[in-house]
Protein backbone atom coordinates (compact mmCIF):
# COMPACT_ATOMS: atom_id res chain seq x y z
CA MET A 1 36.91 156.62 52.60
CA GLY A 2 40.19 154.20 51.64
CA ARG A 3 43.78 155.45 51.30
CA GLY A 4 44.19 153.87 48.05
CA ARG A 5 47.15 151.22 47.46
CA SER A 6 50.88 151.69 48.81
CA THR A 7 53.53 152.31 46.15
CA THR A 8 57.35 150.86 46.05
CA LEU A 9 58.61 153.99 48.11
CA ASP A 10 55.36 153.79 51.05
CA ASP A 11 56.77 149.90 51.10
CA LEU A 12 60.65 150.82 51.87
CA SER A 13 60.02 154.28 54.00
CA GLY A 14 57.40 151.44 55.99
CA LEU A 15 60.52 149.79 57.10
CA PRO A 16 63.51 151.50 59.64
CA TRP A 17 65.27 153.58 57.97
CA PRO A 18 68.71 151.58 57.98
CA VAL A 19 66.85 149.43 55.78
CA PRO A 20 66.12 151.58 52.64
CA LEU A 21 69.64 152.29 52.57
CA VAL A 22 71.44 149.23 52.95
CA SER A 23 69.68 148.34 49.96
CA GLY A 24 70.24 151.44 47.96
CA VAL A 25 74.19 150.60 48.91
CA ILE A 26 74.12 146.83 47.80
CA GLY A 27 71.59 147.79 44.68
CA TYR A 28 74.31 149.95 42.88
CA TYR A 29 76.96 147.83 43.41
CA ALA A 30 75.23 145.73 42.18
CA ILE A 31 73.99 147.23 39.21
CA ARG A 32 77.21 149.25 38.76
CA HIS A 33 79.82 146.31 38.96
CA GLY A 34 78.09 143.16 39.70
CA VAL A 35 76.49 142.83 36.64
CA PRO A 36 79.00 144.15 34.09
CA ALA A 37 81.48 141.06 36.13
CA TRP A 38 78.80 138.64 35.54
CA MET A 39 78.59 139.16 32.14
CA ALA A 40 82.32 139.09 31.46
CA ASN A 41 82.53 135.70 33.34
CA ARG A 42 80.07 134.47 30.46
CA GLY A 43 82.44 134.99 27.88
CA GLY A 44 81.46 135.63 24.39
CA THR A 45 81.16 138.86 22.05
CA PHE A 46 78.48 140.19 23.92
CA GLY A 47 79.59 139.55 27.36
CA GLN A 48 82.72 141.19 26.25
CA ALA A 49 81.21 143.76 24.45
CA PHE A 50 78.75 144.37 27.82
CA ALA A 51 81.82 144.49 29.93
CA SER A 52 83.35 147.17 28.55
CA HIS A 53 80.41 149.42 28.22
CA GLY A 54 79.76 148.79 31.91
CA ASP A 55 79.61 152.22 32.61
CA ALA A 56 76.66 152.16 30.60
CA LEU A 57 74.54 150.90 33.82
CA ALA A 58 76.20 154.29 36.25
CA PRO A 59 72.75 155.77 35.41
CA LEU A 60 70.64 153.35 36.73
CA ALA A 61 72.65 152.18 39.62
CA TRP A 62 72.18 155.86 40.76
CA MET A 63 68.71 156.08 40.08
CA VAL A 64 68.31 153.22 42.61
CA LEU A 65 70.62 154.63 45.42
CA ALA A 66 69.10 157.83 45.35
CA PHE A 67 65.16 156.28 45.47
CA CYS A 68 66.21 154.14 48.12
CA MET A 69 68.19 156.98 50.52
CA LEU A 70 64.88 159.11 49.67
CA ALA A 71 63.11 156.27 51.32
CA ALA A 72 65.49 155.86 53.86
CA LEU A 73 64.88 159.66 55.04
CA VAL A 74 61.69 159.06 54.37
CA SER A 75 61.16 156.81 57.09
CA PHE A 76 63.74 158.70 59.09
CA PHE A 77 61.54 161.55 59.62
CA ARG A 78 58.12 159.44 59.87
CA SER A 79 60.05 157.63 62.71
CA ARG A 80 60.85 160.77 64.65
CA HIS A 81 57.32 162.47 63.71
CA ARG A 82 55.88 159.40 65.71
CA ARG A 83 58.01 159.68 68.42
CA ARG A 84 57.41 163.25 68.94
CA LEU A 85 53.55 162.45 69.20
CA LEU A 86 53.34 160.22 71.98
CA ASP A 87 55.98 162.38 73.95
CA THR A 88 54.60 165.13 73.53
CA ARG A 89 51.02 163.56 74.31
CA ALA A 90 49.74 165.00 78.15
CA GLY A 91 46.27 164.14 78.56
CA LEU A 92 43.22 163.16 76.75
CA ASP A 93 42.87 166.82 75.37
CA SER A 94 46.27 166.45 73.65
CA ILE A 95 45.42 163.24 72.14
CA ALA A 96 41.85 164.49 70.99
CA ALA A 97 43.57 167.15 69.44
CA LEU A 98 45.04 164.73 66.80
CA GLY A 99 43.97 164.20 63.12
CA TRP A 100 42.76 160.85 62.58
CA ARG A 101 46.04 159.94 60.67
CA ASP A 102 48.21 161.70 63.74
CA PHE A 103 45.72 158.91 65.53
CA GLU A 104 46.70 156.21 64.15
CA ARG A 105 50.77 156.68 64.56
CA LEU A 106 49.77 157.79 68.22
CA VAL A 107 48.33 154.14 69.04
CA GLY A 108 51.08 152.40 66.42
CA GLU A 109 54.00 153.47 68.22
CA ALA A 110 52.76 152.93 71.89
CA TYR A 111 52.48 149.54 70.44
CA ARG A 112 55.79 149.35 68.95
CA ARG A 113 57.04 150.43 72.35
CA GLN A 114 55.92 147.57 73.64
CA GLY A 115 57.87 145.31 71.61
CA TYR A 116 55.11 144.74 68.79
CA SER A 117 56.12 144.73 65.02
CA VAL A 118 53.38 147.60 63.39
CA GLU A 119 52.40 147.73 59.93
CA GLU A 120 50.07 150.92 58.45
CA THR A 121 47.99 148.50 56.49
CA GLY A 122 46.65 151.47 54.36
CA LEU A 123 43.10 149.85 54.58
CA GLY A 124 41.45 151.80 56.68
CA GLY A 125 40.87 155.63 56.98
CA ALA A 126 39.10 158.71 58.12
CA ASP A 127 35.74 156.19 58.33
CA GLY A 128 37.38 153.10 59.96
CA GLY A 129 38.60 149.33 59.13
CA ILE A 130 42.14 147.95 59.78
CA ASP A 131 44.40 150.61 60.71
CA LEU A 132 47.49 148.61 62.53
CA ILE A 133 48.22 145.03 62.10
CA LEU A 134 50.36 144.16 65.12
CA THR A 135 52.73 140.66 65.45
CA ARG A 136 54.97 139.60 68.50
CA ASP A 137 55.37 135.38 69.21
CA GLY A 138 53.27 134.78 66.34
CA GLN A 139 50.06 136.14 67.17
CA ARG A 140 48.22 138.90 64.58
CA THR A 141 46.26 141.39 66.01
CA LEU A 142 43.81 143.86 64.15
CA VAL A 143 43.62 147.61 65.26
CA GLN A 144 41.24 150.16 64.80
CA CYS A 145 41.41 153.08 65.57
CA LYS A 146 38.82 155.43 66.43
CA ARG A 147 39.30 159.24 67.60
CA TRP A 148 35.76 159.83 68.89
CA ARG A 149 35.91 161.54 71.80
CA ARG A 150 31.64 162.72 72.29
CA ASP A 151 30.57 159.21 70.25
CA LYS A 152 30.69 156.21 71.26
CA VAL A 153 31.77 153.07 69.85
CA THR A 154 28.31 151.41 69.00
CA VAL A 155 28.25 147.13 68.73
CA ASN A 156 28.02 147.48 65.08
CA VAL A 157 31.82 148.66 65.04
CA VAL A 158 32.63 145.88 67.28
CA ARG A 159 31.06 143.25 65.22
CA GLU A 160 32.61 143.93 62.31
CA MET A 161 36.25 144.07 63.37
CA TYR A 162 35.29 140.58 64.81
CA GLY A 163 34.05 139.20 61.73
CA LEU A 164 37.51 140.20 60.24
CA LEU A 165 39.65 137.69 62.43
CA ALA A 166 39.03 134.65 60.34
CA HIS A 167 39.50 136.56 57.20
CA HIS A 168 43.04 137.64 57.97
CA GLY A 169 44.16 134.51 60.14
CA ALA A 170 44.43 137.06 63.33
CA HIS A 171 44.10 136.22 66.63
CA GLN A 172 43.07 139.32 68.34
CA VAL A 173 40.72 142.34 67.76
CA ARG A 174 41.60 145.49 69.37
CA ILE A 175 39.32 149.12 69.18
CA ALA A 176 41.20 151.76 70.40
CA THR A 177 38.98 155.28 71.14
CA VAL A 178 39.41 158.76 72.75
CA GLY A 179 36.20 158.74 74.14
CA GLY A 180 34.27 154.98 75.18
CA PHE A 181 31.75 152.22 73.76
CA THR A 182 27.99 151.39 74.34
CA ARG A 183 26.96 149.10 76.70
CA ASP A 184 26.02 147.18 73.88
CA ALA A 185 29.51 146.87 72.73
CA ALA A 186 31.24 145.87 75.82
CA TYR A 187 28.42 143.22 76.32
CA PHE A 188 29.50 141.60 72.19
CA ALA A 189 33.12 141.70 73.50
CA ALA A 190 32.83 140.10 76.50
CA GLY A 191 34.62 136.08 76.42
CA LYS A 192 35.96 136.94 72.82
CA PRO A 193 39.21 137.96 71.87
CA ILE A 194 38.27 141.54 71.59
CA GLU A 195 39.93 144.45 73.44
CA LEU A 196 38.04 147.59 74.00
CA ILE A 197 40.61 150.36 74.80
CA ASP A 198 39.17 153.93 75.38
CA GLY A 199 40.08 157.06 76.57
CA GLN A 200 41.30 156.13 79.61
CA ALA A 201 42.99 152.76 79.32
CA LEU A 202 45.14 154.49 76.25
CA LEU A 203 46.27 157.54 78.12
CA ALA A 204 47.22 154.96 80.79
CA MET A 205 49.45 152.98 77.92
CA VAL A 206 50.52 156.24 76.72
CA ARG A 207 52.10 157.37 79.96
CA GLU A 208 53.70 153.84 80.43
CA VAL A 209 55.59 153.93 77.54
CA GLN A 210 56.71 157.52 78.44
CA ASP A 211 58.10 156.88 81.85
CA GLU A 212 59.98 154.00 80.24
CA ALA A 213 61.26 155.91 77.88
CA ARG A 214 62.32 159.07 80.44
CA SER A 215 63.57 155.68 82.48
CA ASP A 216 66.10 154.51 79.76
CA ARG A 217 64.41 151.13 80.19
CA PRO A 218 63.51 148.74 77.80
CA ALA A 219 60.16 148.16 77.01
CA PRO A 220 59.20 144.57 78.79
CA THR A 221 57.04 141.96 77.44
CA ARG A 222 53.88 142.32 78.84
CA THR A 223 49.86 142.49 78.08
CA PRO A 224 48.14 146.16 77.29
CA ALA A 225 47.63 148.48 80.11
CA SER A 226 44.10 148.05 80.65
CA ARG A 227 41.02 145.97 79.40
CA ILE A 228 38.07 147.34 78.53
CA ALA A 229 35.83 144.24 78.56
CA PRO A 230 38.21 141.10 80.26
CA VAL A 231 37.74 137.42 79.38
CA VAL A 232 34.59 136.22 81.72
CA ASP A 233 34.19 132.74 82.84
CA THR A 234 32.44 130.91 80.41
CA ALA A 235 30.16 129.41 82.20
CA ALA A 236 28.66 132.33 83.68
CA PRO A 237 26.33 134.57 81.28
CA ALA A 238 28.65 137.13 79.81
CA ILE A 239 26.27 139.52 80.51
CA ALA A 240 25.82 139.29 84.46
CA ALA A 241 29.82 140.16 84.74
CA ILE A 242 29.09 143.77 83.79
CA PRO A 243 27.05 145.54 86.61
CA ASP A 244 25.15 148.96 86.02
CA CYS A 245 26.55 151.85 87.11
CA PRO A 246 25.01 152.61 90.46
CA ARG A 247 25.05 156.89 90.09
CA CYS A 248 23.47 156.82 86.10
CA GLY A 249 22.25 153.07 85.44
CA SER A 250 24.54 152.71 82.54
CA GLY A 251 26.68 149.80 82.16
CA MET A 252 30.35 149.64 83.19
CA VAL A 253 33.77 148.42 81.93
CA ARG A 254 36.93 147.03 83.84
CA ARG A 255 39.83 149.68 84.61
CA THR A 256 42.79 149.52 85.54
CA ASN A 257 44.57 152.03 87.92
CA PRO A 258 48.39 151.82 87.09
CA ARG A 259 49.64 153.31 89.87
CA ALA A 260 48.05 151.24 92.54
CA ASP A 261 47.77 148.22 90.66
CA THR A 262 44.15 147.61 91.23
CA THR A 263 40.92 147.45 89.13
CA PHE A 264 38.05 148.79 89.76
CA TRP A 265 34.44 149.48 87.73
CA GLY A 266 34.03 152.53 85.64
CA CYS A 267 30.58 154.14 84.11
CA THR A 268 31.23 153.93 80.36
CA SER A 269 29.57 157.67 80.19
CA PHE A 270 32.84 158.99 81.90
CA PRO A 271 33.61 161.84 81.98
CA ARG A 272 29.91 162.78 82.19
CA CYS A 273 29.83 159.99 85.13
CA ARG A 274 32.06 159.24 87.46
CA GLY A 275 29.89 156.29 89.14
CA THR A 276 32.75 153.81 89.66
CA ARG A 277 32.59 150.21 91.80
């Protein structure tokens, strides 16, 4: 179920709060003083009459200013809400406890702190779709957020998002979930511009930006914290690059230990199965 069309207030409040505030002030002076002055300079009977009754535009000017101030206020509180969402997450359980809309805001804020321009598209919803569009260094990335803890994201979801790349002129697809991905989904993503972010990778990314905020250091330009399906050598079969779990026989995914700066293979059934290679 989609979220409907955006309104002018949604568009303005989606910008950093100083933008609608400054726009309101400029709009007020343009309507209240600029238009009457421009009409007066045109001369003529109509121009003089309009200039002498310039106060007639004052209500419209105040309405524009009040509307933009409301958008700035909404933007400010939304921004503070996103910051608190991210800063107060302590683990996967706290992330999984979020509603689907706040889960999207959490993921968007994590990327925003990494230097991305984040657009909340309104094209997704509780049932999926494009939730975020990331832009950085001229690259566009489509993001779908799946707040699934028990169910794994299937290959059909990954395939559908991959099909949207060309349509939206994007360069990469990312799918973030609290849980994991099926083995078929990992096989399909291997070697493609698809990044599968499971719960452990998402938690690592959240903790990384939290640490940066605590140390008051700017977020460096870097690649995301972890990739579930790394780019493999195209000369080798994609399936051969993904080993089976030594414990349960399920597919495995590449994970990163951010503290030790090492990589390893982890079972896609984590945390039910903790097999590693």
